[in-house]
C-alpha atoms as a PDB file:
ATOM      1  CA  MET A   1      12.891  11.137 -15.352  1.00  0.00           C
ATOM      2  CA  LEU A   2      13.173   9.707 -11.895  1.00  0.00           C
ATOM      3  CA  GLY A   3      16.567   9.592  -9.650  1.00  0.00           C
ATOM      4  CA  TYR A   4      17.228   6.181  -7.382  1.00  0.00           C
ATOM      5  CA  ALA A   5      19.785   6.743  -4.494  1.00  0.00           C
ATOM      6  CA  PHE A   6      20.619   3.471  -2.682  1.00  0.00           C
ATOM      7  CA  PHE A   7      21.262   3.567   0.859  1.00  0.00           C
ATOM      8  CA  THR A   8      22.060   0.346   3.259  1.00  0.00           C
ATOM      9  CA  SER A   9      22.950   0.153   7.060  1.00  0.00           C
ATOM     10  CA  PRO A  10      26.169   1.934   8.244  1.00  0.00           C
ATOM     11  CA  PRO A  11      29.127  -0.316   7.420  1.00  0.00           C
ATOM     12  CA  HIS A  12      30.349  -2.966   9.659  1.00  0.00           C
ATOM     13  CA  SER A  13      34.129  -3.298  11.018  1.00  0.00           C
ATOM     14  CA  GLU A  14      35.573  -6.738  10.146  1.00  0.00           C
ATOM     15  CA  LYS A  15      35.096  -7.779  13.601  1.00  0.00           C
ATOM     16  CA  THR A  16      31.079  -7.862  13.349  1.00  0.00           C
ATOM     17  CA  MET A  17      29.023  -9.955  10.942  1.00  0.00           C
ATOM     18  CA  PRO A  18      25.978  -7.955   9.580  1.00  0.00           C
ATOM     19  CA  LEU A  19      22.739  -8.224  10.849  1.00  0.00           C
ATOM     20  CA  HIS A  20      20.089 -10.228   9.056  1.00  0.00           C
ATOM     21  CA  THR A  21      17.820  -7.420   9.662  1.00  0.00           C
ATOM     22  CA  ASP A  22      20.072  -4.811   7.678  1.00  0.00           C
ATOM     23  CA  ALA A  23      17.848  -3.707   4.846  1.00  0.00           C
ATOM     24  CA  THR A  24      18.639  -1.473   1.811  1.00  0.00           C
ATOM     25  CA  GLU A  25      16.463   1.433   1.610  1.00  0.00           C
ATOM     26  CA  ILE A  26      16.120   3.530  -2.060  1.00  0.00           C
ATOM     27  CA  SER A  27      14.997   6.321  -2.389  1.00  0.00           C
ATOM     28  CA  VAL A  28      13.146   7.608  -5.395  1.00  0.00           C
ATOM     29  CA  THR A  29      12.988  11.464  -6.302  1.00  0.00           C
ATOM     30  CA  ARG A  30      11.696  13.678  -9.328  1.00  0.00           C
ATOM     31  CA  ALA A  31      14.178  15.351 -11.040  1.00  0.00           C
ATOM     32  CA  ASP A  32      13.369  18.677  -9.574  1.00  0.00           C
ATOM     33  CA  GLY A  33      14.551  16.359  -6.375  1.00  0.00           C
ATOM     34  CA  THR A  34      10.865  15.859  -4.948  1.00  0.00           C
ATOM     35  CA  PRO A  35      10.745  12.398  -3.067  1.00  0.00           C
ATOM     36  CA  MET A  36       8.478   9.698  -4.322  1.00  0.00           C
ATOM     37  CA  ARG A  37       7.479   8.247  -0.958  1.00  0.00           C
ATOM     38  CA  PHE A  38       5.610   5.225  -2.507  1.00  0.00           C
ATOM     39  CA  SER A  39       7.808   4.529  -4.956  1.00  0.00           C
ATOM     40  CA  SER A  40      10.491   4.643  -2.796  1.00  0.00           C
ATOM     41  CA  SER A  41       8.775   2.353  -0.034  1.00  0.00           C
ATOM     42  CA  LEU A  42       8.149  -0.286  -3.089  1.00  0.00           C
ATOM     43  CA  LEU A  43      11.494  -0.327  -3.828  1.00  0.00           C
ATOM     44  CA  SER A  44      12.953  -0.828  -0.567  1.00  0.00           C
ATOM     45  CA  PHE A  45      10.693  -3.291   0.121  1.00  0.00           C
ATOM     46  CA  LEU A  46      11.006  -5.412  -3.306  1.00  0.00           C
ATOM     47  CA  ALA A  47      15.188  -5.143  -2.554  1.00  0.00           C
ATOM     48  CA  ASN A  48      14.590  -6.589   1.063  1.00  0.00           C
ATOM     49  CA  ARG A  49      11.938  -9.221   0.311  1.00  0.00           C
ATOM     50  CA  LYS A  50      12.761 -13.090   0.698  1.00  0.00           C
ATOM     51  CA  LYS A  51      11.837 -14.634  -2.821  1.00  0.00           C
ATOM     52  CA  THR A  52      10.523 -17.485  -1.679  1.00  0.00           C
ATOM     53  CA  ARG A  53       7.643 -16.788  -4.166  1.00  0.00           C
ATOM     54  CA  PRO A  54       6.840 -14.347  -6.969  1.00  0.00           C
ATOM     55  CA  PHE A  55       5.835 -10.993  -6.203  1.00  0.00           C
ATOM     56  CA  HIS A  56       2.247  -9.560  -6.296  1.00  0.00           C
ATOM     57  CA  LEU A  57       1.568  -6.177  -5.625  1.00  0.00           C
ATOM     58  CA  GLY A  58      -0.881  -7.092  -2.338  1.00  0.00           C
ATOM     59  CA  ASP A  59       2.294  -8.350  -1.091  1.00  0.00           C
ATOM     60  CA  TRP A  60       3.724  -4.812  -0.556  1.00  0.00           C
ATOM     61  CA  LEU A  61       0.073  -3.534   0.184  1.00  0.00           C
ATOM     62  CA  GLN A  62       0.185  -5.832   3.047  1.00  0.00           C
ATOM     63  CA  SER A  63       3.436  -4.152   4.703  1.00  0.00           C
ATOM     64  CA  LEU A  64       2.202  -0.863   4.899  1.00  0.00           C
ATOM     65  CA  ASP A  65       0.895   0.883   7.597  1.00  0.00           C
ATOM     66  CA  GLY A  66      -2.668   2.011   7.898  1.00  0.00           C
ATOM     67  CA  GLU A  67      -2.014   5.610   7.114  1.00  0.00           C
ATOM     68  CA  THR A  68       0.500   5.193   4.688  1.00  0.00           C
ATOM     69  CA  LEU A  69      -2.323   2.323   2.629  1.00  0.00           C
ATOM     70  CA  GLY A  70      -4.882   4.765   3.179  1.00  0.00           C
ATOM     71  CA  HIS A  71      -2.959   7.798   1.609  1.00  0.00           C
ATOM     72  CA  LEU A  72      -2.001   5.698  -1.188  1.00  0.00           C
ATOM     73  CA  ARG A  73      -5.486   4.821  -1.851  1.00  0.00           C
ATOM     74  CA  GLN A  74      -6.988   8.561  -1.382  1.00  0.00           C
ATOM     75  CA  LEU A  75      -4.341   9.189  -3.775  1.00  0.00           C
ATOM     76  CA  ALA A  76      -4.829   6.815  -6.616  1.00  0.00           C
ATOM     77  CA  LYS A  77      -8.780   7.524  -5.888  1.00  0.00           C
ATOM     78  CA  ASN A  78      -8.294  10.947  -6.488  1.00  0.00           C
ATOM     79  CA  ALA A  79      -5.870  10.446  -9.871  1.00  0.00           C
ATOM     80  CA  LEU A  80      -9.333   8.230 -11.158  1.00  0.00           C
ATOM     81  CA  HIS A  81     -11.662  11.108 -10.834  1.00  0.00           C
ATOM     82  CA  ASP A  82      -9.854  14.334 -10.687  1.00  0.00           C
ATOM     83  CA  PRO A  83      -5.730  13.794 -11.904  1.00  0.00           C
ATOM     84  CA  PRO A  84      -4.830  17.593 -11.450  1.00  0.00           C
ATOM     85  CA  SER A  85      -5.654  17.211  -7.754  1.00  0.00           C
ATOM     86  CA  VAL A  86      -2.922  15.184  -7.347  1.00  0.00           C
ATOM     87  CA  GLY A  87      -0.076  17.252  -8.715  1.00  0.00           C
ATOM     88  CA  THR A  88       3.248  15.458  -8.769  1.00  0.00           C
ATOM     89  CA  ALA A  89       2.064  12.588  -7.185  1.00  0.00           C
ATOM     90  CA  LEU A  90       0.476  11.259 -10.055  1.00  0.00           C
ATOM     91  CA  GLU A  91       4.460  10.616 -11.122  1.00  0.00           C
ATOM     92  CA  ASP A  92       4.785   8.863  -7.773  1.00  0.00           C
ATOM     93  CA  LEU A  93       1.489   6.346  -8.597  1.00  0.00           C
ATOM     94  CA  LEU A  94       2.480   6.039 -12.223  1.00  0.00           C
ATOM     95  CA  SER A  95       5.940   4.982 -10.875  1.00  0.00           C
ATOM     96  CA  VAL A  96       4.305   1.934  -8.449  1.00  0.00           C
ATOM     97  CA  VAL A  97       2.486   1.136 -11.247  1.00  0.00           C
ATOM     98  CA  ILE A  98       5.324   0.374 -13.690  1.00  0.00           C
ATOM     99  CA  HIS A  99       7.402  -1.181 -10.979  1.00  0.00           C
ATOM    100  CA  ALA A 100       4.917  -3.530  -9.739  1.00  0.00           C
ATOM    101  CA  LEU A 101       4.368  -4.681 -13.183  1.00  0.00           C
ATOM    102  CA  ALA A 102       7.728  -5.216 -13.879  1.00  0.00           C
ATOM    103  CA  ALA A 103       8.013  -7.253 -10.742  1.00  0.00           C
ATOM    104  CA  GLU A 104       4.970  -8.662 -11.124  1.00  0.00           C
ATOM    105  CA  ARG A 105       5.799 -10.051 -14.561  1.00  0.00           C
ATOM    106  CA  GLN A 106       9.366 -10.305 -13.709  1.00  0.00           C
ATOM    107  CA  ALA A 107      10.928  -8.313 -16.027  1.00  0.00           C
ATOM    108  CA  GLU A 108      13.074  -5.360 -16.699  1.00  0.00           C
ATOM    109  CA  ALA A 109      10.670  -2.882 -19.020  1.00  0.00           C
ATOM    110  CA  VAL A 110       7.125  -3.117 -18.870  1.00  0.00           C
ATOM    111  CA  SER A 111       4.727  -0.888 -21.758  1.00  0.00           C
ATOM    112  CA  PHE A 112       1.284  -0.425 -21.894  1.00  0.00           C
ATOM    113  CA  SER A 113      -0.907   2.054 -23.690  1.00  0.00           C
ATOM    114  CA  GLU A 114      -2.166   5.380 -22.364  1.00  0.00           C
ATOM    115  CA  GLU A 115      -5.547   4.150 -21.696  1.00  0.00           C
ATOM    116  CA  GLN A 116      -4.128   1.471 -19.668  1.00  0.00           C
ATOM    117  CA  ILE A 117      -3.001   3.679 -16.976  1.00  0.00           C
ATOM    118  CA  GLY A 118      -6.449   4.351 -15.775  1.00  0.00           C
ATOM    119  CA  GLU A 119      -7.294   0.660 -15.486  1.00  0.00           C
ATOM    120  CA  TYR A 120      -3.360   0.041 -13.521  1.00  0.00           C
ATOM    121  CA  ILE A 121      -4.291   3.245 -10.778  1.00  0.00           C
ATOM    122  CA  GLY A 122      -8.090   1.592 -10.813  1.00  0.00           C
ATOM    123  CA  MET A 123      -6.365  -2.087  -9.741  1.00  0.00           C
ATOM    124  CA  LEU A 124      -3.952   0.271  -7.494  1.00  0.00           C
ATOM    125  CA  HIS A 125      -7.000   1.847  -5.851  1.00  0.00           C
ATOM    126  CA  LEU A 126      -9.183  -1.228  -5.676  1.00  0.00           C
ATOM    127  CA  LEU A 127      -6.499  -3.194  -4.015  1.00  0.00           C
ATOM    128  CA  ALA A 128      -5.633  -0.676  -1.051  1.00  0.00           C
ATOM    129  CA  THR A 129      -8.879  -0.428  -0.588  1.00  0.00           C
ATOM    130  CA  LEU A 130      -9.576  -4.711  -0.411  1.00  0.00           C
ATOM    131  CA  GLU A 131      -6.044  -4.529   2.194  1.00  0.00           C
ATOM    132  CA  ARG A 132      -8.166  -2.056   4.016  1.00  0.00           C
ATOM    133  CA  LEU A 133     -10.953  -4.119   4.397  1.00  0.00           C
ATOM    134  CA  ARG A 134      -8.778  -7.219   5.176  1.00  0.00           C
ATOM    135  CA  ARG A 135      -7.314  -5.068   7.854  1.00  0.00           C
ATOM    136  CA  GLN A 136     -10.810  -4.813   8.972  1.00  0.00           C
ATOM    137  CA  GLY A 137     -11.453  -8.353   9.570  1.00  0.00           C
ATOM    138  CA  LEU A 138     -14.018  -8.322   6.683  1.00  0.00           C
ATOM    139  CA  LEU A 139     -12.506 -10.574   3.993  1.00  0.00           C
ATOM    140  CA  ALA A 140      -9.465 -12.872   3.513  1.00  0.00           C
ATOM    141  CA  TYR A 141      -7.559 -13.388   0.495  1.00  0.00           C
ATOM    142  CA  GLU A 142      -7.552 -16.469  -1.512  1.00  0.00           C
ATOM    143  CA  SER A 143      -5.229 -15.779  -3.797  1.00  0.00           C
ATOM    144  CA  VAL A 144      -2.259 -13.512  -4.596  1.00  0.00           C
ATOM    145  CA  MET A 145      -3.359  -9.706  -4.832  1.00  0.00           C
ATOM    146  CA  SER A 146      -1.890  -8.541  -8.282  1.00  0.00           C
ATOM    147  CA  ILE A 147      -1.999  -5.460  -9.919  1.00  0.00           C
ATOM    148  CA  GLU A 148      -3.277  -7.065 -13.383  1.00  0.00           C
ATOM    149  CA  PRO A 149      -6.769  -6.141 -14.655  1.00  0.00           C
ATOM    150  CA  ASP A 150      -7.290  -9.850 -15.596  1.00  0.00           C
ATOM    151  CA  ALA A 151      -5.636 -11.487 -12.482  1.00  0.00           C
ATOM    152  CA  ALA A 152      -7.524 -14.214 -11.021  1.00  0.00           C
ATOM    153  CA  ASN A 153      -7.932 -11.984  -7.527  1.00  0.00           C
ATOM    154  CA  ALA A 154      -9.925 -13.747  -4.943  1.00  0.00           C
ATOM    155  CA  VAL A 155     -11.533 -12.800  -1.394  1.00  0.00           C
ATOM    156  CA  VAL A 156     -13.649 -14.738   1.026  1.00  0.00           C
ATOM    157  CA  LEU A 157     -16.070 -12.293   3.002  1.00  0.00           C
ATOM    158  CA  SER A 158     -16.231 -12.598   6.475  1.00  0.00           C
ATOM    159  CA  PRO A 159     -19.404 -13.311   8.444  1.00  0.00           C
ATOM    160  CA  GLU A 160     -18.856  -9.905   9.472  1.00  0.00           C
ATOM    161  CA  ALA A 161     -18.917  -8.925   5.985  1.00  0.00           C
ATOM    162  CA  PHE A 162     -22.403 -10.364   5.317  1.00  0.00           C
ATOM    163  CA  ALA A 163     -23.461  -8.098   8.247  1.00  0.00           C
ATOM    164  CA  GLN A 164     -22.387  -4.880   6.264  1.00  0.00           C
ATOM    165  CA  ALA A 165     -22.559  -5.994   2.707  1.00  0.00           C
ATOM    166  CA  ASP A 166     -24.497  -2.292   1.513  1.00  0.00           C
ATOM    167  CA  GLU A 167     -21.349  -0.534   3.333  1.00  0.00           C
ATOM    168  CA  ILE A 168     -18.979  -2.817   1.700  1.00  0.00           C
ATOM    169  CA  ARG A 169     -20.853  -3.256  -1.688  1.00  0.00           C
ATOM    170  CA  ARG A 170     -20.633   0.869  -1.696  1.00  0.00           C
ATOM    171  CA  GLN A 171     -16.954   0.974  -0.809  1.00  0.00           C
ATOM    172  CA  MET A 172     -15.932  -1.156  -3.248  1.00  0.00           C
ATOM    173  CA  MET A 173     -18.108   0.594  -6.176  1.00  0.00           C
ATOM    174  CA  ARG A 174     -16.448   3.809  -5.498  1.00  0.00           C
ATOM    175  CA  SER A 175     -12.910   1.705  -6.294  1.00  0.00           C
ATOM    176  CA  LEU A 176     -14.306   0.760  -9.418  1.00  0.00           C
ATOM    177  CA  HIS A 177     -15.908   4.268 -11.000  1.00  0.00           C
END
């Protein structure tokens, strides 16, 4: 069971106008009170984003700092290859998958089979890897980056990427296995 807590900036007096930078912060916790860092971040991002176009998971991944992105990527990789090693963080990753799918599909509820869980966590890992490579200047997104395995995610490699093709291929293969 997940717990949700909604926080907003401190109340403003009637004499002041709220700033446009005021943000809603959503804190998700497990039933035992353990914070779910990634779910909280995603839900806060969704609550505060300007809805100029439909959401895709890549939007949120681009907003993460490097350390958080790296941690998410590593947890997703571990969840794929050694689920017990991630412990309760697996629940956080599953919550990210569920909320990302619901937001991308613009649905209140999503369902998928137990077999598909690995596919979605694999996509989470792959997209986090692509975002890391994008930040290194090795690729650019040609399309939105979706968690849906059959989405038309597309990237364009930079000239530097071709010089490092073997390393990138190795990283991508690790993402897929």
